[in-house]
Amino acid sequence: LAFEKALSSVKSRALQESSKKDQLI
């Protein structure tokens, strides 16, 4: 559950910050 929560949080942030996501990739 903690992992899924963290993953969900990361996904939502990744969607909000698409440019940062590309940089992270």
PDB file of all heavy atoms in Angstrom:
ATOM      1  N   LEU A   1       0.826  -1.203   0.000  1.00  0.00           N
ATOM      2  CA  LEU A   1       0.000   0.000   0.000  1.00  0.00           C
ATOM      3  C   LEU A   1       0.866   1.261   0.000  1.00  0.00           C
ATOM      4  O   LEU A   1       0.580   2.226  -0.716  1.00  0.00           O
ATOM      5  CB  LEU A   1      -0.942  -0.006   1.212  1.00  0.00           C
ATOM      6  CG  LEU A   1      -2.077  -1.035   1.165  1.00  0.00           C
ATOM      7  CD1 LEU A   1      -2.832  -1.043   2.496  1.00  0.00           C
ATOM      8  CD2 LEU A   1      -3.033  -0.764   0.007  1.00  0.00           C
ATOM      9  N   ALA A   2       1.925   1.246   0.806  1.00  0.00           N
ATOM     10  CA  ALA A   2       2.831   2.399   0.854  1.00  0.00           C
ATOM     11  C   ALA A   2       3.496   2.604  -0.497  1.00  0.00           C
ATOM     12  O   ALA A   2       3.624   3.748  -0.974  1.00  0.00           O
ATOM     13  CB  ALA A   2       3.877   2.199   1.946  1.00  0.00           C
ATOM     14  N   PHE A   3       3.894   1.495  -1.126  1.00  0.00           N
ATOM     15  CA  PHE A   3       4.524   1.582  -2.444  1.00  0.00           C
ATOM     16  C   PHE A   3       3.542   2.129  -3.475  1.00  0.00           C
ATOM     17  O   PHE A   3       3.890   2.997  -4.274  1.00  0.00           O
ATOM     18  CB  PHE A   3       5.037   0.201  -2.868  1.00  0.00           C
ATOM     19  CG  PHE A   3       5.577   0.167  -4.261  1.00  0.00           C
ATOM     20  CD1 PHE A   3       6.831   0.682  -4.536  1.00  0.00           C
ATOM     21  CD2 PHE A   3       4.821  -0.374  -5.304  1.00  0.00           C
ATOM     22  CE1 PHE A   3       7.324   0.665  -5.822  1.00  0.00           C
ATOM     23  CE2 PHE A   3       5.316  -0.388  -6.595  1.00  0.00           C
ATOM     24  CZ  PHE A   3       6.570   0.128  -6.860  1.00  0.00           C
ATOM     25  N   GLU A   4       2.321   1.591  -3.448  1.00  0.00           N
ATOM     26  CA  GLU A   4       1.312   2.064  -4.407  1.00  0.00           C
ATOM     27  C   GLU A   4       1.001   3.548  -4.193  1.00  0.00           C
ATOM     28  O   GLU A   4       0.829   4.297  -5.151  1.00  0.00           O
ATOM     29  CB  GLU A   4       0.044   1.221  -4.293  1.00  0.00           C
ATOM     30  CG  GLU A   4       0.202  -0.171  -4.866  1.00  0.00           C
ATOM     31  CD  GLU A   4      -1.011  -1.061  -4.644  1.00  0.00           C
ATOM     32  OE1 GLU A   4      -1.949  -0.637  -3.930  1.00  0.00           O
ATOM     33  OE2 GLU A   4      -1.011  -2.181  -5.184  1.00  0.00           O
ATOM     34  N   LYS A   5       0.951   3.958  -2.933  1.00  0.00           N
ATOM     35  CA  LYS A   5       0.690   5.372  -2.628  1.00  0.00           C
ATOM     36  C   LYS A   5       1.825   6.244  -3.159  1.00  0.00           C
ATOM     37  O   LYS A   5       1.589   7.293  -3.785  1.00  0.00           O
ATOM     38  CB  LYS A   5       0.530   5.555  -1.117  1.00  0.00           C
ATOM     39  CG  LYS A   5       0.149   6.942  -0.702  1.00  0.00           C
ATOM     40  CD  LYS A   5      -0.051   7.018   0.809  1.00  0.00           C
ATOM     41  CE  LYS A   5      -0.403   8.431   1.227  1.00  0.00           C
ATOM     42  NZ  LYS A   5      -0.543   8.551   2.685  1.00  0.00           N
ATOM     43  N   ALA A   6       3.063   5.800  -2.899  1.00  0.00           N
ATOM     44  CA  ALA A   6       4.215   6.563  -3.381  1.00  0.00           C
ATOM     45  C   ALA A   6       4.244   6.588  -4.899  1.00  0.00           C
ATOM     46  O   ALA A   6       4.532   7.623  -5.511  1.00  0.00           O
ATOM     47  CB  ALA A   6       5.504   5.957  -2.831  1.00  0.00           C
ATOM     48  N   LEU A   7       3.932   5.452  -5.510  1.00  0.00           N
ATOM     49  CA  LEU A   7       3.918   5.372  -6.970  1.00  0.00           C
ATOM     50  C   LEU A   7       2.852   6.294  -7.550  1.00  0.00           C
ATOM     51  O   LEU A   7       3.088   7.000  -8.538  1.00  0.00           O
ATOM     52  CB  LEU A   7       3.673   3.923  -7.410  1.00  0.00           C
ATOM     53  CG  LEU A   7       3.665   3.651  -8.907  1.00  0.00           C
ATOM     54  CD1 LEU A   7       5.020   3.984  -9.521  1.00  0.00           C
ATOM     55  CD2 LEU A   7       3.308   2.194  -9.183  1.00  0.00           C
ATOM     56  N   SER A   8       1.694   6.285  -6.921  1.00  0.00           N
ATOM     57  CA  SER A   8       0.614   7.162  -7.375  1.00  0.00           C
ATOM     58  C   SER A   8       1.031   8.627  -7.274  1.00  0.00           C
ATOM     59  O   SER A   8       0.768   9.426  -8.180  1.00  0.00           O
ATOM     60  CB  SER A   8      -0.630   6.904  -6.535  1.00  0.00           C
ATOM     61  OG  SER A   8      -1.648   7.815  -6.874  1.00  0.00           O
ATOM     62  N   SER A   9       1.683   8.940  -6.171  1.00  0.00           N
ATOM     63  CA  SER A   9       2.156  10.307  -5.980  1.00  0.00           C
ATOM     64  C   SER A   9       3.179  10.678  -7.048  1.00  0.00           C
ATOM     65  O   SER A   9       3.134  11.779  -7.619  1.00  0.00           O
ATOM     66  CB  SER A   9       2.766  10.447  -4.591  1.00  0.00           C
ATOM     67  OG  SER A   9       3.349  11.709  -4.424  1.00  0.00           O
ATOM     68  N   VAL A  10       4.083   9.766  -7.320  1.00  0.00           N
ATOM     69  CA  VAL A  10       5.109  10.017  -8.346  1.00  0.00           C
ATOM     70  C   VAL A  10       4.462  10.177  -9.718  1.00  0.00           C
ATOM     71  O   VAL A  10       4.827  11.062 -10.501  1.00  0.00           O
ATOM     72  CB  VAL A  10       6.149   8.880  -8.358  1.00  0.00           C
ATOM     73  CG1 VAL A  10       7.045   8.969  -9.573  1.00  0.00           C
ATOM     74  CG2 VAL A  10       6.987   8.927  -7.094  1.00  0.00           C
ATOM     75  N   LYS A  11       3.469   9.333 -10.007  1.00  0.00           N
ATOM     76  CA  LYS A  11       2.798   9.419 -11.307  1.00  0.00           C
ATOM     77  C   LYS A  11       2.077  10.757 -11.465  1.00  0.00           C
ATOM     78  O   LYS A  11       2.129  11.381 -12.526  1.00  0.00           O
ATOM     79  CB  LYS A  11       1.807   8.264 -11.469  1.00  0.00           C
ATOM     80  CG  LYS A  11       2.442   6.956 -11.840  1.00  0.00           C
ATOM     81  CD  LYS A  11       1.384   5.883 -12.043  1.00  0.00           C
ATOM     82  CE  LYS A  11       1.995   4.554 -12.419  1.00  0.00           C
ATOM     83  NZ  LYS A  11       0.968   3.505 -12.569  1.00  0.00           N
ATOM     84  N   SER A  12       1.391  11.164 -10.397  1.00  0.00           N
ATOM     85  CA  SER A  12       0.654  12.437 -10.498  1.00  0.00           C
ATOM     86  C   SER A  12       1.613  13.603 -10.684  1.00  0.00           C
ATOM     87  O   SER A  12       1.353  14.525 -11.458  1.00  0.00           O
ATOM     88  CB  SER A  12      -0.242  12.642  -9.287  1.00  0.00           C
ATOM     89  OG  SER A  12       0.531  12.821  -8.132  1.00  0.00           O
ATOM     90  N   ARG A  13       2.735  13.566  -9.953  1.00  0.00           N
ATOM     91  CA  ARG A  13       3.731  14.621 -10.131  1.00  0.00           C
ATOM     92  C   ARG A  13       4.331  14.568 -11.527  1.00  0.00           C
ATOM     93  O   ARG A  13       4.594  15.606 -12.137  1.00  0.00           O
ATOM     94  CB  ARG A  13       4.838  14.488  -9.093  1.00  0.00           C
ATOM     95  CG  ARG A  13       4.549  15.273  -7.838  1.00  0.00           C
ATOM     96  CD  ARG A  13       5.745  15.322  -6.923  1.00  0.00           C
ATOM     97  NE  ARG A  13       5.648  14.191  -6.001  1.00  0.00           N
ATOM     98  CZ  ARG A  13       6.655  13.436  -5.628  1.00  0.00           C
ATOM     99  NH1 ARG A  13       7.862  13.676  -6.076  1.00  0.00           N
ATOM    100  NH2 ARG A  13       6.476  12.432  -4.814  1.00  0.00           N
ATOM    101  N   ALA A  14       4.534  13.339 -12.036  1.00  0.00           N
ATOM    102  CA  ALA A  14       5.110  13.194 -13.372  1.00  0.00           C
ATOM    103  C   ALA A  14       4.171  13.751 -14.437  1.00  0.00           C
ATOM    104  O   ALA A  14       4.624  14.379 -15.406  1.00  0.00           O
ATOM    105  CB  ALA A  14       5.416  11.735 -13.648  1.00  0.00           C
ATOM    106  N   LEU A  15       2.874  13.523 -14.235  1.00  0.00           N
ATOM    107  CA  LEU A  15       1.908  14.078 -15.180  1.00  0.00           C
ATOM    108  C   LEU A  15       1.880  15.595 -15.102  1.00  0.00           C
ATOM    109  O   LEU A  15       1.724  16.285 -16.120  1.00  0.00           O
ATOM    110  CB  LEU A  15       0.518  13.501 -14.911  1.00  0.00           C
ATOM    111  CG  LEU A  15       0.339  12.030 -15.275  1.00  0.00           C
ATOM    112  CD1 LEU A  15      -1.013  11.517 -14.783  1.00  0.00           C
ATOM    113  CD2 LEU A  15       0.455  11.818 -16.781  1.00  0.00           C
ATOM    114  N   GLN A  16       2.000  16.136 -13.893  1.00  0.00           N
ATOM    115  CA  GLN A  16       1.965  17.584 -13.710  1.00  0.00           C
ATOM    116  C   GLN A  16       3.214  18.242 -14.273  1.00  0.00           C
ATOM    117  O   GLN A  16       3.187  19.374 -14.726  1.00  0.00           O
ATOM    118  CB  GLN A  16       1.824  17.936 -12.217  1.00  0.00           C
ATOM    119  CG  GLN A  16       0.491  17.545 -11.630  1.00  0.00           C
ATOM    120  CD  GLN A  16       0.463  17.682 -10.116  1.00  0.00           C
ATOM    121  OE1 GLN A  16       1.441  18.093  -9.502  1.00  0.00           O
ATOM    122  NE2 GLN A  16      -0.669  17.327  -9.526  1.00  0.00           N
ATOM    123  N   GLU A  17       4.292  17.561 -14.199  1.00  0.00           N
ATOM    124  CA  GLU A  17       5.566  18.164 -14.629  1.00  0.00           C
ATOM    125  C   GLU A  17       6.157  17.330 -15.750  1.00  0.00           C
ATOM    126  O   GLU A  17       7.164  16.642 -15.575  1.00  0.00           O
ATOM    127  CB  GLU A  17       6.525  18.257 -13.459  1.00  0.00           C
ATOM    128  CG  GLU A  17       5.958  19.006 -12.276  1.00  0.00           C
ATOM    129  CD  GLU A  17       6.859  18.926 -11.065  1.00  0.00           C
ATOM    130  OE1 GLU A  17       7.983  18.404 -11.178  1.00  0.00           O
ATOM    131  OE2 GLU A  17       6.428  19.379 -10.006  1.00  0.00           O
ATOM    132  N   SER A  18       5.580  17.388 -16.931  1.00  0.00           N
ATOM    133  CA  SER A  18       6.008  16.534 -18.040  1.00  0.00           C
ATOM    134  C   SER A  18       7.435  16.851 -18.495  1.00  0.00           C
ATOM    135  O   SER A  18       8.179  15.963 -18.887  1.00  0.00           O
ATOM    136  CB  SER A  18       5.037  16.659 -19.219  1.00  0.00           C
ATOM    137  OG  SER A  18       5.023  17.996 -19.689  1.00  0.00           O
ATOM    138  N   SER A  19       7.818  18.103 -18.416  1.00  0.00           N
ATOM    139  CA  SER A  19       9.173  18.445 -18.843  1.00  0.00           C
ATOM    140  C   SER A  19      10.213  17.845 -17.894  1.00  0.00           C
ATOM    141  O   SER A  19      11.257  17.344 -18.324  1.00  0.00           O
ATOM    142  CB  SER A  19       9.361  19.959 -18.953  1.00  0.00           C
ATOM    143  OG  SER A  19       9.231  20.550 -17.685  1.00  0.00           O
ATOM    144  N   LYS A  20       9.878  17.893 -16.576  1.00  0.00           N
ATOM    145  CA  LYS A  20      10.792  17.296 -15.606  1.00  0.00           C
ATOM    146  C   LYS A  20      10.861  15.789 -15.792  1.00  0.00           C
ATOM    147  O   LYS A  20      11.915  15.189 -15.610  1.00  0.00           O
ATOM    148  CB  LYS A  20      10.357  17.627 -14.178  1.00  0.00           C
ATOM    149  CG  LYS A  20      10.621  19.061 -13.780  1.00  0.00           C
ATOM    150  CD  LYS A  20      10.281  19.286 -12.332  1.00  0.00           C
ATOM    151  CE  LYS A  20      10.563  20.714 -11.932  1.00  0.00           C
ATOM    152  NZ  LYS A  20      10.271  20.957 -10.514  1.00  0.00           N
ATOM    153  N   LYS A  21       9.725  15.201 -16.178  1.00  0.00           N
ATOM    154  CA  LYS A  21       9.683  13.753 -16.413  1.00  0.00           C
ATOM    155  C   LYS A  21      10.646  13.367 -17.536  1.00  0.00           C
ATOM    156  O   LYS A  21      11.406  12.405 -17.421  1.00  0.00           O
ATOM    157  CB  LYS A  21       8.268  13.309 -16.770  1.00  0.00           C
ATOM    158  CG  LYS A  21       8.130  11.828 -17.027  1.00  0.00           C
ATOM    159  CD  LYS A  21       6.728  11.459 -17.406  1.00  0.00           C
ATOM    160  CE  LYS A  21       6.657  11.447 -18.920  1.00  0.00           C
ATOM    161  NZ  LYS A  21       5.395  10.960 -19.447  1.00  0.00           N
ATOM    162  N   ASP A  22      10.594  14.152 -18.599  1.00  0.00           N
ATOM    163  CA  ASP A  22      11.488  13.859 -19.732  1.00  0.00           C
ATOM    164  C   ASP A  22      12.956  13.977 -19.313  1.00  0.00           C
ATOM    165  O   ASP A  22      13.798  13.165 -19.698  1.00  0.00           O
ATOM    166  CB  ASP A  22      11.197  14.800 -20.899  1.00  0.00           C
ATOM    167  CG  ASP A  22       9.827  14.530 -21.531  1.00  0.00           C
ATOM    168  OD1 ASP A  22       9.315  13.395 -21.357  1.00  0.00           O
ATOM    169  OD2 ASP A  22       9.291  15.440 -22.184  1.00  0.00           O
ATOM    170  N   GLN A  23      13.219  15.012 -18.488  1.00  0.00           N
ATOM    171  CA  GLN A  23      14.585  15.189 -17.998  1.00  0.00           C
ATOM    172  C   GLN A  23      14.998  14.001 -17.112  1.00  0.00           C
ATOM    173  O   GLN A  23      16.139  13.528 -17.193  1.00  0.00           O
ATOM    174  CB  GLN A  23      14.712  16.499 -17.221  1.00  0.00           C
ATOM    175  CG  GLN A  23      14.590  17.744 -18.074  1.00  0.00           C
ATOM    176  CD  GLN A  23      14.542  19.012 -17.242  1.00  0.00           C
ATOM    177  OE1 GLN A  23      14.528  18.972 -16.008  1.00  0.00           O
ATOM    178  NE2 GLN A  23      14.514  20.166 -17.923  1.00  0.00           N
ATOM    179  N   LEU A  24      14.064  13.553 -16.273  1.00  0.00           N
ATOM    180  CA  LEU A  24      14.372  12.415 -15.397  1.00  0.00           C
ATOM    181  C   LEU A  24      14.618  11.145 -16.207  1.00  0.00           C
ATOM    182  O   LEU A  24      15.524  10.364 -15.897  1.00  0.00           O
ATOM    183  CB  LEU A  24      13.234  12.176 -14.398  1.00  0.00           C
ATOM    184  CG  LEU A  24      13.114  13.197 -13.271  1.00  0.00           C
ATOM    185  CD1 LEU A  24      11.856  12.929 -12.459  1.00  0.00           C
ATOM    186  CD2 LEU A  24      14.345  13.160 -12.380  1.00  0.00           C
ATOM    187  N   ILE A  25      13.811  10.938 -17.240  1.00  0.00           N
ATOM    188  CA  ILE A  25      14.001   9.746 -18.079  1.00  0.00           C
ATOM    189  C   ILE A  25      15.365   9.792 -18.736  1.00  0.00           C
ATOM    190  O   ILE A  25      16.101   8.794 -18.768  1.00  0.00           O
ATOM    191  CB  ILE A  25      12.869   9.635 -19.124  1.00  0.00           C
ATOM    192  CG1 ILE A  25      11.559   9.273 -18.421  1.00  0.00           C
ATOM    193  CG2 ILE A  25      13.206   8.601 -20.192  1.00  0.00           C
ATOM    194  CD1 ILE A  25      10.351   9.307 -19.336  1.00  0.00           C
TER     195      ILE A  25
END
